[in-house]
């Protein structure tokens, strides 16, 4: 794989390039993670597509400071850097907010959406059955200089619990390098609402594991209902990181989506 730096507002993104030809897939990793989460997709999809794998601003090897609100524009900068008119965005978890916002704001640049374990504002965690993300505690730990405590707290959240050994090890590998830079920045939020979804017309694939949290399962249904051209794929006995634990099934779903809509 090749690696390069892409200039964005305030710094640069570290980006790996794999595969060749069309279509082009921009792989957007989830919160606290980095592009290594797509390891199996690089292996499974490089023969039939070009994959651009950035570390999002504030994460991994990217030098650009954290800024969720700037990330939709980062996608445009990435496409411009590689001379691309448009691309398919493949987004995990929090990155789904970035991808959906980019598709709504710049429909001519987003040819398609593949969303894995993404959120919807109308499907929040039920405090009775599902603990909310402990953001306040995480911020407190990082500000106190106790990043290991923050990582341990997040690692124990139901969203990251897994019985799959490879997923467990790769999560540990990525979280060991997480620096908590985003938690020291002002809070930012990109809303995902039915109103936003109704403006998006590109073909979309909504994926979720049936062992993910109840709120993410509910969100997948809301996303599929709200997007105009959406299909849904549920992976049996898969959790929040289905692209690792169920890599072959996720890769096949993406290949079928591409074949159905772009071949």
Protein backbone atom coordinates (compact mmCIF):
# COMPACT_ATOMS: atom_id res chain seq x y z
CA UNK A 1 0.00 0.00 0.00
CA UNK A 2 1.05 3.56 -0.64
CA UNK A 3 0.84 6.28 1.99
CA UNK A 4 0.57 10.06 1.59
CA UNK A 5 -0.40 13.22 3.41
CA UNK A 6 -3.46 15.21 2.29
CA UNK A 7 -3.66 18.88 3.24
CA UNK A 8 -6.82 19.93 5.07
CA UNK A 9 -7.76 22.96 7.14
CA UNK A 10 -5.32 23.23 10.02
CA UNK A 11 -2.98 20.39 9.05
CA UNK A 12 -2.99 17.15 7.11
CA UNK A 13 -4.52 13.70 7.03
CA UNK A 14 -2.42 10.55 6.78
CA UNK A 15 -3.94 8.42 4.02
CA UNK A 16 -3.17 4.95 2.72
CA UNK A 17 -4.11 3.87 -0.79
CA UNK A 18 -4.85 0.26 -1.70
CA UNK A 19 -6.16 -1.46 -4.80
CA UNK A 20 -6.73 0.10 -8.20
CA UNK A 21 -9.46 1.11 -10.62
CA UNK A 22 -13.08 1.97 -10.02
CA UNK A 23 -15.07 2.39 -7.92
CA UNK A 24 -13.21 4.39 -5.29
CA UNK A 25 -14.14 3.67 -1.68
CA UNK A 26 -13.25 6.16 1.07
CA UNK A 27 -13.02 4.16 4.29
CA UNK A 28 -13.87 6.25 7.38
CA UNK A 29 -13.01 4.62 10.69
CA UNK A 30 -14.99 4.91 13.92
CA UNK A 31 -14.38 7.01 17.01
CA UNK A 32 -11.14 6.39 18.99
CA UNK A 33 -9.96 4.02 16.24
CA UNK A 34 -7.88 4.45 13.09
CA UNK A 35 -7.60 3.11 9.57
CA UNK A 36 -6.24 -0.23 10.79
CA UNK A 37 -9.82 -1.28 11.53
CA UNK A 38 -10.28 -1.80 7.77
CA UNK A 39 -7.47 -4.38 7.54
CA UNK A 40 -9.75 -7.13 6.26
CA UNK A 41 -11.48 -4.85 3.80
CA UNK A 42 -8.11 -3.96 2.27
CA UNK A 43 -7.45 -7.66 1.76
CA UNK A 44 -10.93 -8.47 0.52
CA UNK A 45 -11.78 -5.49 -1.68
CA UNK A 46 -8.50 -4.32 -3.23
CA UNK A 47 -8.94 -6.60 -6.23
CA UNK A 48 -12.14 -4.86 -7.27
CA UNK A 49 -11.81 -1.24 -6.11
CA UNK A 50 -9.48 1.54 -5.02
CA UNK A 51 -9.55 2.10 -1.25
CA UNK A 52 -8.57 5.43 0.31
CA UNK A 53 -8.02 4.96 4.04
CA UNK A 54 -7.53 8.19 5.98
CA UNK A 55 -6.90 8.55 9.64
CA UNK A 56 -9.62 11.08 10.49
CA UNK A 57 -8.48 14.40 11.94
CA UNK A 58 -7.47 14.00 15.58
CA UNK A 59 -6.85 10.27 15.23
CA UNK A 60 -4.09 7.94 14.18
CA UNK A 61 -1.18 9.48 12.31
CA UNK A 62 -3.09 12.51 11.03
CA UNK A 63 -1.68 15.86 12.11
CA UNK A 64 -4.85 17.91 11.62
CA UNK A 65 -6.42 18.84 14.97
CA UNK A 66 -9.71 17.26 16.04
CA UNK A 67 -12.83 18.86 14.61
CA UNK A 68 -15.92 16.83 13.80
CA UNK A 69 -17.60 19.80 12.14
CA UNK A 70 -14.72 20.11 9.67
CA UNK A 71 -14.67 16.48 8.64
CA UNK A 72 -17.25 16.69 5.82
CA UNK A 73 -14.98 19.28 4.19
CA UNK A 74 -12.01 16.96 4.75
CA UNK A 75 -13.71 14.46 2.46
CA UNK A 76 -13.88 17.08 -0.29
CA UNK A 77 -10.20 17.89 0.23
CA UNK A 78 -9.40 14.20 -0.02
CA UNK A 79 -11.33 13.82 -3.28
CA UNK A 80 -9.74 16.95 -4.71
CA UNK A 81 -6.25 15.75 -3.78
CA UNK A 82 -6.73 12.58 -5.80
CA UNK A 83 -8.56 14.31 -8.65
CA UNK A 84 -11.82 12.48 -8.01
CA UNK A 85 -15.21 13.86 -9.01
CA UNK A 86 -16.92 11.56 -6.51
CA UNK A 87 -16.51 8.41 -4.44
CA UNK A 88 -18.41 5.93 -2.30
CA UNK A 89 -18.10 6.62 1.43
CA UNK A 90 -17.82 3.58 3.72
CA UNK A 91 -18.28 4.77 7.29
CA UNK A 92 -18.25 3.09 10.68
CA UNK A 93 -20.14 4.30 13.76
CA UNK A 94 -19.43 8.02 14.45
CA UNK A 95 -18.03 8.44 10.94
CA UNK A 96 -21.53 7.74 9.66
CA UNK A 97 -22.44 11.26 10.80
CA UNK A 98 -19.58 12.64 8.70
CA UNK A 99 -20.53 10.62 5.64
CA UNK A 100 -24.23 11.47 5.84
CA UNK A 101 -23.50 15.18 6.28
CA UNK A 102 -21.14 15.15 3.31
CA UNK A 103 -23.72 13.37 1.16
CA UNK A 104 -26.42 15.88 2.10
CA UNK A 105 -24.24 18.94 1.55
CA UNK A 106 -22.37 17.76 -1.53
CA UNK A 107 -24.47 15.18 -3.37
CA UNK A 108 -22.42 15.57 -6.53
CA UNK A 109 -19.29 14.36 -4.70
CA UNK A 110 -20.79 11.36 -2.86
CA UNK A 111 -21.74 8.58 -5.27
CA UNK A 112 -22.90 6.18 -2.59
CA UNK A 113 -22.96 5.40 1.13
CA UNK A 114 -22.13 2.25 3.06
CA UNK A 115 -22.91 2.70 6.76
CA UNK A 116 -21.86 0.20 9.41
CA UNK A 117 -23.14 0.52 13.00
CA UNK A 118 -24.11 4.15 12.39
CA UNK A 119 -26.25 6.28 14.69
CA UNK A 120 -29.56 8.13 14.30
CA UNK A 121 -30.59 10.87 16.72
CA UNK A 122 -34.08 9.38 17.07
CA UNK A 123 -32.60 6.12 18.36
CA UNK A 124 -30.68 7.06 21.53
CA UNK A 125 -29.63 4.48 24.11
CA UNK A 126 -32.34 3.42 26.55
CA UNK A 127 -30.85 4.26 29.97
CA UNK A 128 -32.66 1.29 31.49
CA UNK A 129 -31.15 -1.35 29.19
CA UNK A 130 -28.11 0.30 27.63
CA UNK A 131 -25.55 2.58 29.30
CA UNK A 132 -24.85 5.81 27.48
CA UNK A 133 -21.34 6.59 26.34
CA UNK A 134 -19.55 8.00 29.41
CA UNK A 135 -18.23 11.13 27.68
CA UNK A 136 -18.04 13.29 30.81
CA UNK A 137 -15.98 10.69 32.65
CA UNK A 138 -13.76 10.13 29.64
CA UNK A 139 -13.07 13.85 29.36
CA UNK A 140 -12.36 14.06 33.08
CA UNK A 141 -9.80 11.25 32.89
CA UNK A 142 -8.02 12.72 29.86
CA UNK A 143 -7.89 16.21 31.35
CA UNK A 144 -6.38 14.70 34.49
CA UNK A 145 -3.69 13.05 32.37
CA UNK A 146 -5.05 9.58 33.01
CA UNK A 147 -5.55 8.35 29.45
CA UNK A 148 -5.29 4.64 30.43
CA UNK A 149 -8.30 5.04 32.73
CA UNK A 150 -10.28 6.62 29.89
CA UNK A 151 -9.38 3.82 27.51
CA UNK A 152 -10.28 1.17 30.08
CA UNK A 153 -13.65 2.81 30.71
CA UNK A 154 -14.45 2.99 27.00
CA UNK A 155 -13.12 -0.51 26.34
CA UNK A 156 -15.61 -1.89 28.87
CA UNK A 157 -18.63 -0.26 27.22
CA UNK A 158 -21.08 -2.78 25.66
CA UNK A 159 -20.39 -1.29 22.23
CA UNK A 160 -16.83 -2.61 22.30
CA UNK A 161 -17.38 -5.89 24.08
CA UNK A 162 -16.64 -8.90 21.91
CA UNK A 163 -16.05 -12.64 22.14
CA UNK A 164 -14.11 -12.62 18.88
CA UNK A 165 -10.38 -12.95 19.60
CA UNK A 166 -9.19 -11.09 16.51
CA UNK A 167 -11.56 -8.18 17.12
CA UNK A 168 -10.41 -8.03 20.74
CA UNK A 169 -6.73 -7.90 19.78
CA UNK A 170 -7.17 -5.33 17.00
CA UNK A 171 -9.24 -3.09 19.26
CA UNK A 172 -6.53 -3.27 21.90
CA UNK A 173 -3.90 -2.46 19.27
CA UNK A 174 -5.74 0.65 18.09
CA UNK A 175 -6.82 1.86 21.51
CA UNK A 176 -3.23 1.56 22.76
CA UNK A 177 -2.37 4.32 20.27
CA UNK A 178 -5.43 6.50 20.93
CA UNK A 179 -4.28 9.87 22.26
CA UNK A 180 -7.57 11.38 23.43
CA UNK A 181 -6.97 14.60 21.48
CA UNK A 182 -10.63 14.89 20.53
CA UNK A 183 -11.73 14.75 24.17
CA UNK A 184 -9.67 17.87 24.91
CA UNK A 185 -11.40 19.83 22.14
CA UNK A 186 -14.72 21.70 22.39
CA UNK A 187 -17.71 19.37 22.01
CA UNK A 188 -19.06 19.09 18.47
CA UNK A 189 -22.05 17.32 16.97
CA UNK A 190 -23.27 16.49 13.46
CA UNK A 191 -27.00 15.71 13.66
CA UNK A 192 -28.55 12.74 11.91
CA UNK A 193 -32.27 13.28 11.48
CA UNK A 194 -35.02 12.10 9.14
CA UNK A 195 -34.96 15.57 7.59
CA UNK A 196 -31.30 15.17 6.70
CA UNK A 197 -31.79 11.65 5.35
CA UNK A 198 -34.63 12.77 3.08
CA UNK A 199 -32.23 15.00 1.17
CA UNK A 200 -29.84 12.16 0.30
CA UNK A 201 -30.52 10.45 -3.01
CA UNK A 202 -27.47 8.26 -3.62
CA UNK A 203 -27.76 4.47 -3.23
CA UNK A 204 -27.03 3.43 0.34
CA UNK A 205 -26.29 0.23 2.21
CA UNK A 206 -27.02 0.15 5.94
CA UNK A 207 -25.22 -2.63 7.82
CA UNK A 208 -25.43 -3.69 11.46
CA UNK A 209 -24.63 -6.70 13.62
CA UNK A 210 -27.52 -8.25 15.49
CA UNK A 211 -25.40 -8.27 18.69
CA UNK A 212 -24.66 -4.54 18.48
CA UNK A 213 -26.36 -2.35 21.06
CA UNK A 214 -30.16 -1.98 20.85
CA UNK A 215 -29.81 1.69 19.93
CA UNK A 216 -27.59 0.88 16.94
CA UNK A 217 -30.01 -1.79 15.78
CA UNK A 218 -32.86 0.72 16.05
CA UNK A 219 -30.74 3.34 14.28
CA UNK A 220 -30.09 1.00 11.37
CA UNK A 221 -33.83 0.59 10.83
CA UNK A 222 -34.39 4.35 11.05
CA UNK A 223 -31.58 5.01 8.58
CA UNK A 224 -32.94 2.46 6.14
CA UNK A 225 -36.43 3.94 6.40
CA UNK A 226 -35.25 7.53 6.07
CA UNK A 227 -32.81 7.21 3.19
CA UNK A 228 -34.52 7.25 -0.20
CA UNK A 229 -32.51 4.46 -1.81
CA UNK A 230 -31.37 2.20 0.99
CA UNK A 231 -30.93 -1.52 1.51
CA UNK A 232 -30.24 -3.12 4.88
CA UNK A 233 -27.92 -5.98 5.82
CA UNK A 234 -27.93 -7.58 9.28
CA UNK A 235 -25.03 -9.84 10.24
CA UNK A 236 -25.91 -12.70 12.56
CA UNK A 237 -23.92 -12.99 15.79
CA UNK A 238 -21.94 -9.86 14.96
CA UNK A 239 -21.40 -6.86 17.19
CA UNK A 240 -20.25 -3.29 16.66
CA UNK A 241 -17.10 -4.33 14.79
CA UNK A 242 -18.68 -6.67 12.24
CA UNK A 243 -16.14 -5.67 9.60
CA UNK A 244 -13.50 -7.53 11.66
CA UNK A 245 -15.40 -10.44 13.20
CA UNK A 246 -17.49 -11.08 10.08
CA UNK A 247 -15.11 -9.69 7.48
CA UNK A 248 -16.00 -12.08 4.66
CA UNK A 249 -19.72 -11.37 4.98
CA UNK A 250 -19.17 -7.60 5.20
CA UNK A 251 -16.87 -7.65 2.17
CA UNK A 252 -19.37 -9.68 0.17
CA UNK A 253 -22.18 -7.26 1.08
CA UNK A 254 -20.08 -4.32 -0.12
CA UNK A 255 -19.15 -6.13 -3.35
CA UNK A 256 -22.82 -6.92 -4.06
CA UNK A 257 -23.79 -3.30 -3.31
CA UNK A 258 -21.14 -2.02 -5.72
CA UNK A 259 -22.12 -4.54 -8.41
CA UNK A 260 -25.79 -3.69 -8.05
CA UNK A 261 -25.35 0.07 -8.23
CA UNK A 262 -22.10 0.88 -10.04
CA UNK A 263 -21.32 -1.86 -12.56
